[in-house]
Amino acid sequence: MKVDFSTNVKKFIEEDIFQKYNSRKDEVFKKLDNDSMNGWMMPPIDYLDDIYRVRDRVKNNSKCLVVVGIGGSFLGAKAFYDLFTPYFKDSFKIIFAGTTLSSRYLSELIDYLKDVDFSLNVISKSGTTMETTITYSAIRKLMEEKYSIEELKERIIMTTDPVKGKLREEVNKVGYDSFVIPDNIGGRYSLLTAAHLLPLSFVLDIEELIKGYMEGLKLKEEAFLYAVTRRSLFDLGFVAENYVGYDEKWSSYLEWIKQLFGETEGKDGKGLLPVSMIHTRDLHSLGQFVQDGNKILFETFIKVDKTPSLIVNDKDLSEVNLLVEDAVIAAHVLGSVPCNILSIKEVNVEEVGKLSAFMCLAAAFSGFLFDINPFNQPGVEIYKQEVRNRLGQNNENK
């Protein structure tokens, strides 16, 4: 993995601002090392065999796995699932549900599952997340109609708090297979927990993911430099960061990045707004704004050095895609848009695992440079409480 925060960015940053944040490296490293929520920097070592056991059973008795979760409970798994499953070839089907309150979606999902043998993985640390609870209730009702009690024990898997919460109570009562979301790992940093590794074990080598991720954690210096660059650009009026990929397969991965940074640093009136684009598609919609509009954003390009070769009109489409990416970066810099470049050799599990650990480090460092807690999300609770209040009012009025 290569990082370039100077070629297309340095000229935009004032040296005194950069040094103000760069001088805090020892302080920031120490804060992360001593934080009680840094469990995501340690490899999983004690439950991979259980993941493989459950995976093999599900593959034997089910045509698909339904994963019910939202936010950090599913985004990492969906990011890797979408990135590494073929566009058109069949692979083991994973349905990510519980991310919406759309009655149309849930009713169509239920209708689809009526004729499919499936297993269910419910992911929620508290067991009270509204979207997860509603979706689980609806799917469980269907499962009770299709399967015996003993079959349900084989088909329902819980990933939740180790000792408390509604899902843990259900596990203790019924005896479902279960996995843990550790107390020292927050949802958006939970890529190396069973919440993501269990679903991903169906479609890729999770040990390659772990290997790459652990290698990526060695990129502390580079991740800190990225965080300093982001923080400096914010001070200069660039208040949004546009993450760019050059293949539709990166869409869900960019959503994972957006949650990682948005929920980490968007507090106390601070933080960069994370947005994303897929090129060249979005150059034909938002490209005009980026090139010639309000200069509120900078960009971070994920560049892949080697992609499958395909000759079209005597030109290798892989090389054309890279040429266009370089041309777009040059054009945007001419339009006063700073552009970071993160390069990986190719799209393989180890390389993307490395990139993911780098992003986690950079997000944590960015939070500390904004002088906020990188690992909480108090603003999310406000809308949840408002919903609970209004649902309570509706029940009282009935």
Foldseek 3Di string as FASTA:
>chain_A
DDWDQPPQFVVVFDPVLLCVQVVCLVVLVVCLVPDLQNPLLDFDDPCPVVLVVLLVLQVVFFQAEEEADEFLLPLLQVLVVLLQDDPPDDFRYYHYFLHDPDPVVLVVVLVVCLPTGYAYEQEDAAQVDPSSVVSCVSVVVSVVVVDDLVVNLSRYEYEYDPPDHDVVVVCVVSVHHYFYDDPSHFSLSRCNGCSRCSSCVRRADVVLLSLLLNVLLVCLVVLLSVLSSVVRVVVVQQQAEEEEEADPSNVSVLVSLQSLQCQQAVPPVDGHRYHYDYPPVCCVPCVCCLQANDRRHAYEYEAEQDDDFDADPNDTVVVVSVVVVVVSSVSSSVSVHRYMYDYFHHPDSSRVSSVVSSSNSNSSSNNVSSVHGRRDRVVVVVVVVVVVVVVVVVVVVD
